[in-house]
N, C-alpha and C. Protein backbone atom coordinates (compact mmCIF):
# COMPACT_ATOMS: atom_id res chain seq x y z
N MET A 1 -109.46 59.26 130.88
CA MET A 1 -108.66 59.84 130.18
C MET A 1 -107.88 58.44 129.27
N ARG A 2 -108.20 58.14 127.67
CA ARG A 2 -108.20 57.22 127.23
C ARG A 2 -106.65 56.92 126.81
N LYS A 3 -106.88 55.65 127.35
CA LYS A 3 -105.21 54.67 127.46
C LYS A 3 -104.96 53.84 126.08
N PRO A 4 -103.80 54.92 125.90
CA PRO A 4 -103.28 53.84 124.35
C PRO A 4 -102.68 51.91 124.43
N GLY A 5 -102.33 52.29 123.15
CA GLY A 5 -101.88 50.97 123.47
C GLY A 5 -102.55 49.26 122.74
N PHE A 6 -103.76 49.46 122.23
CA PHE A 6 -104.62 48.19 121.98
C PHE A 6 -104.51 48.81 120.65
N ALA A 7 -104.34 46.92 120.08
CA ALA A 7 -104.01 47.14 118.46
C ALA A 7 -104.44 46.11 118.07
N PHE A 8 -105.12 45.69 116.73
CA PHE A 8 -104.25 44.42 115.71
C PHE A 8 -104.51 44.32 114.47
N CYS A 9 -104.61 43.74 113.69
CA CYS A 9 -104.41 43.75 112.00
C CYS A 9 -105.10 42.90 111.62
N LEU A 10 -104.86 42.97 110.25
CA LEU A 10 -105.64 42.21 109.44
C LEU A 10 -104.38 42.39 108.17
N CYS A 11 -104.58 40.83 107.08
CA CYS A 11 -102.92 40.60 106.80
C CYS A 11 -104.23 40.97 104.77
N LEU A 12 -103.90 42.55 104.14
CA LEU A 12 -104.79 42.84 103.33
C LEU A 12 -103.92 42.09 102.02
N GLY A 13 -102.80 42.02 101.74
CA GLY A 13 -101.66 41.70 99.90
C GLY A 13 -101.19 43.89 100.52
N PRO A 14 -99.86 43.79 99.28
CA PRO A 14 -99.32 45.32 99.18
C PRO A 14 -100.45 46.39 98.99
N GLY A 15 -99.82 47.04 99.81
CA GLY A 15 -100.25 48.19 99.53
C GLY A 15 -100.24 49.70 100.74
N ILE A 16 -99.90 50.67 100.79
CA ILE A 16 -100.04 51.59 101.87
C ILE A 16 -101.49 52.46 101.68
N LEU A 17 -102.25 52.53 102.86
CA LEU A 17 -102.29 54.14 102.46
C LEU A 17 -102.64 55.24 103.92
N GLN A 18 -102.94 56.30 103.97
CA GLN A 18 -102.24 57.08 104.70
C GLN A 18 -103.49 56.85 106.43
N PRO A 19 -103.39 56.70 107.58
CA PRO A 19 -104.02 57.01 108.43
C PRO A 19 -104.79 57.31 108.14
N ASP A 20 -106.02 57.22 109.21
CA ASP A 20 -107.15 57.41 109.03
C ASP A 20 -108.19 57.50 111.07
N SER A 21 -108.57 58.13 111.35
CA SER A 21 -109.15 58.41 111.94
C SER A 21 -110.94 57.91 112.42
N VAL A 22 -111.07 57.01 112.53
CA VAL A 22 -113.05 56.57 113.05
C VAL A 22 -113.41 56.54 114.58
N ARG A 23 -114.80 57.14 114.73
CA ARG A 23 -114.71 56.07 116.59
C ARG A 23 -116.13 54.68 115.97
N LEU A 24 -116.15 53.66 116.83
CA LEU A 24 -116.80 52.80 116.47
C LEU A 24 -117.73 52.08 117.72
N ASP A 25 -118.79 52.32 118.09
CA ASP A 25 -119.10 51.69 120.08
C ASP A 25 -118.53 52.66 120.88
N GLY A 26 -118.45 54.03 120.58
CA GLY A 26 -117.71 54.56 121.65
C GLY A 26 -116.58 54.88 121.79
N HIS A 27 -115.48 53.96 121.16
CA HIS A 27 -114.16 54.18 120.94
C HIS A 27 -113.24 54.70 119.07
N ARG A 28 -112.31 55.09 120.44
CA ARG A 28 -111.77 55.99 119.03
C ARG A 28 -110.21 54.42 117.86
N LEU A 29 -110.50 54.78 117.07
CA LEU A 29 -109.70 54.08 116.21
C LEU A 29 -109.15 54.84 115.20
N TYR A 30 -107.52 53.88 115.39
CA TYR A 30 -106.71 54.50 114.14
C TYR A 30 -106.61 53.45 113.73
N ARG A 31 -106.45 54.27 112.22
CA ARG A 31 -106.15 52.59 111.77
C ARG A 31 -105.30 53.28 109.87
N CYS A 32 -103.75 52.37 110.16
CA CYS A 32 -103.18 52.27 108.87
C CYS A 32 -103.09 51.26 108.38
N LEU A 33 -102.68 51.16 106.78
CA LEU A 33 -102.23 50.29 106.22
C LEU A 33 -101.33 49.84 105.79
N ILE A 34 -100.47 49.47 105.87
CA ILE A 34 -99.04 49.46 105.99
C ILE A 34 -98.01 48.09 105.13
N GLY A 35 -97.99 47.84 103.79
CA GLY A 35 -97.38 46.59 103.33
C GLY A 35 -98.25 45.07 103.25
N GLY A 36 -99.94 45.63 102.93
CA GLY A 36 -101.00 44.67 103.10
C GLY A 36 -101.56 44.77 104.88
N MET A 37 -100.64 45.61 105.71
CA MET A 37 -100.93 44.78 106.72
C MET A 37 -102.11 46.32 107.76
N LEU A 38 -103.21 46.06 107.26
CA LEU A 38 -104.51 47.01 108.59
C LEU A 38 -103.98 46.94 109.43
N TYR A 39 -103.81 48.41 110.53
CA TYR A 39 -102.59 47.94 111.85
C TYR A 39 -103.94 48.83 112.71
N VAL A 40 -104.69 48.30 113.20
CA VAL A 40 -106.90 49.20 113.80
C VAL A 40 -105.50 49.17 115.44
N PHE A 41 -105.70 50.46 116.40
CA PHE A 41 -105.43 51.26 117.13
C PHE A 41 -106.58 51.49 118.19
N PHE A 42 -107.01 50.90 118.95
CA PHE A 42 -108.14 51.77 119.97
C PHE A 42 -107.17 52.41 120.69
N VAL A 43 -107.85 53.22 121.26
CA VAL A 43 -107.24 54.69 121.78
C VAL A 43 -108.94 55.37 122.92
N THR A 44 -109.36 54.45 124.12
CA THR A 44 -109.81 54.88 124.68
C THR A 44 -110.78 54.48 126.36
N SER A 45 -111.47 54.91 126.73
CA SER A 45 -111.10 54.91 128.35
C SER A 45 -112.19 53.80 128.13
N HIS A 46 -112.98 53.76 127.63
CA HIS A 46 -114.11 52.67 127.70
C HIS A 46 -113.71 50.66 127.39
N LYS A 47 -114.51 50.14 128.19
CA LYS A 47 -113.80 48.16 128.11
C LYS A 47 -113.71 47.82 126.74
N VAL A 48 -113.28 47.32 125.75
CA VAL A 48 -112.76 47.25 125.52
C VAL A 48 -113.92 45.69 125.14
N PRO A 49 -114.83 45.40 124.06
CA PRO A 49 -115.21 43.56 124.28
C PRO A 49 -114.41 43.07 123.77
N ASP A 50 -114.49 41.74 124.63
CA ASP A 50 -114.22 40.60 124.15
C ASP A 50 -113.50 40.04 123.10
N VAL A 51 -114.56 40.24 122.81
CA VAL A 51 -114.08 39.89 121.14
C VAL A 51 -113.07 40.35 120.33
N VAL A 52 -112.84 41.28 120.62
CA VAL A 52 -112.05 42.25 119.52
C VAL A 52 -110.79 42.17 120.99
N LYS A 53 -111.02 42.06 121.84
CA LYS A 53 -109.44 42.15 122.72
C LYS A 53 -108.97 40.20 122.25
N SER A 54 -109.76 39.28 121.28
CA SER A 54 -109.03 38.20 121.21
C SER A 54 -107.95 38.01 120.30
N HIS A 55 -108.53 39.96 119.30
CA HIS A 55 -106.79 40.13 118.47
C HIS A 55 -105.83 41.00 118.26
N PHE A 56 -106.16 41.45 120.03
CA PHE A 56 -104.28 41.75 120.60
C PHE A 56 -103.48 41.43 120.46
N LEU A 57 -102.66 41.83 120.41
CA LEU A 57 -101.61 41.54 120.75
C LEU A 57 -101.29 41.20 122.15
N GLN A 58 -101.25 39.43 122.24
CA GLN A 58 -100.96 39.68 123.95
C GLN A 58 -99.72 38.98 124.65
N ARG A 59 -100.29 38.95 126.17
CA ARG A 59 -98.62 38.85 127.12
C ARG A 59 -97.63 37.73 126.62
N ASP A 60 -98.52 36.12 126.07
CA ASP A 60 -97.41 35.51 125.72
C ASP A 60 -96.89 35.87 124.20
N GLY A 61 -97.29 37.19 123.86
CA GLY A 61 -96.67 37.06 122.45
C GLY A 61 -97.13 37.08 121.22
N SER A 62 -98.27 36.33 121.60
CA SER A 62 -99.22 36.05 120.00
C SER A 62 -99.85 37.01 120.44
N TRP A 63 -100.25 36.84 118.61
CA TRP A 63 -100.97 37.70 118.09
C TRP A 63 -101.77 37.69 116.81
N VAL A 64 -102.80 37.47 117.01
CA VAL A 64 -104.17 36.80 116.07
C VAL A 64 -103.94 37.63 114.72
N ILE A 65 -103.00 37.06 113.75
CA ILE A 65 -103.60 37.73 112.27
C ILE A 65 -104.97 36.95 111.80
N ILE A 66 -105.70 38.32 111.78
CA ILE A 66 -106.98 38.02 110.11
C ILE A 66 -106.45 38.15 108.90
N THR A 67 -107.24 36.95 107.84
CA THR A 67 -107.03 37.05 106.55
C THR A 67 -108.93 37.72 105.92
N GLU A 68 -108.77 38.59 104.88
CA GLU A 68 -109.66 38.15 104.53
C GLU A 68 -109.83 39.38 103.48
N ASP A 69 -111.16 39.75 102.22
CA ASP A 69 -111.43 40.16 100.91
C ASP A 69 -111.35 41.39 101.75
N VAL A 70 -110.34 42.09 100.52
CA VAL A 70 -109.57 44.11 101.07
C VAL A 70 -111.67 43.92 100.97
N LEU A 71 -112.28 44.15 99.64
CA LEU A 71 -114.01 43.98 98.98
C LEU A 71 -114.75 44.12 100.58
N ARG A 72 -114.89 43.22 101.55
CA ARG A 72 -116.07 43.03 102.40
C ARG A 72 -115.28 43.95 103.26
N ILE A 73 -114.46 45.05 103.20
CA ILE A 73 -114.12 45.87 104.52
C ILE A 73 -113.58 47.33 103.50
N ASP A 74 -115.46 48.27 103.98
CA ASP A 74 -115.83 49.09 103.13
C ASP A 74 -114.88 50.30 103.11
N PHE A 75 -114.00 50.94 103.98
CA PHE A 75 -113.28 52.05 103.68
C PHE A 75 -112.12 51.39 102.96
N LEU A 76 -111.65 50.04 102.94
CA LEU A 76 -110.71 49.87 102.19
C LEU A 76 -110.94 49.35 100.67
N ARG A 77 -112.74 48.88 99.99
CA ARG A 77 -112.50 49.23 99.06
C ARG A 77 -112.78 50.50 98.01
N ASP A 78 -113.66 50.88 99.05
CA ASP A 78 -113.80 52.43 99.10
C ASP A 78 -113.07 53.24 98.25
N ALA A 79 -111.04 53.32 99.13
CA ALA A 79 -110.21 53.42 98.65
C ALA A 79 -109.20 52.87 97.42
N ILE A 80 -109.78 51.58 97.10
CA ILE A 80 -108.78 51.27 95.95
C ILE A 80 -110.00 51.98 95.03
N PHE A 81 -111.42 51.87 95.20
CA PHE A 81 -111.48 52.25 93.74
C PHE A 81 -111.40 53.72 92.99
N ARG A 82 -111.24 54.45 94.43
CA ARG A 82 -110.63 56.42 94.17
C ARG A 82 -109.48 56.34 93.87
N ILE A 83 -108.59 54.76 94.44
CA ILE A 83 -107.13 54.69 93.60
C ILE A 83 -107.24 54.66 92.13
N GLY A 84 -108.18 53.97 91.88
CA GLY A 84 -108.06 53.50 90.42
C GLY A 84 -108.35 54.47 89.92
N GLN A 85 -109.26 54.97 89.67
CA GLN A 85 -110.38 56.36 89.76
C GLN A 85 -109.33 57.30 89.40
N ALA A 86 -108.30 57.27 89.75
CA ALA A 86 -107.57 58.35 89.88
C ALA A 86 -106.39 57.85 88.52
N ILE A 87 -105.94 56.67 88.99
CA ILE A 87 -105.04 56.17 87.50
C ILE A 87 -105.62 56.30 86.24
N CYS A 88 -106.95 55.52 86.26
CA CYS A 88 -107.51 55.91 85.06
C CYS A 88 -108.06 57.64 84.80
N GLU A 89 -108.11 58.07 84.93
CA GLU A 89 -108.25 60.19 84.70
C GLU A 89 -106.66 60.57 84.92
N ARG A 90 -105.42 60.06 85.20
CA ARG A 90 -104.28 60.30 84.78
C ARG A 90 -104.11 59.21 83.00
N GLY A 91 -104.51 58.51 82.91
CA GLY A 91 -104.14 58.32 81.52
C GLY A 91 -102.82 57.04 82.21
N GLY A 92 -103.09 56.26 83.99
CA GLY A 92 -102.22 55.07 83.99
C GLY A 92 -102.51 53.91 83.06
């Protein structure tokens, strides 16, 4: 049975994208960009690597927020280019 409740986020600047779902190393991840924060939710029955767990909301209420150049995150870079292309095609 899959256990929801693991999440972390990256601060990337303003914006919103439709949520999506991907598989990574046997884990199901749901990703959603809201207000420039990329939220990643793990739904898995597998052990999550400790390096990933360190970025989850902690029991003491602390939460590591990572900042990253959006162009270094492939699916966000691709989304930005698609949005830019759509704007150009519409004459915006």
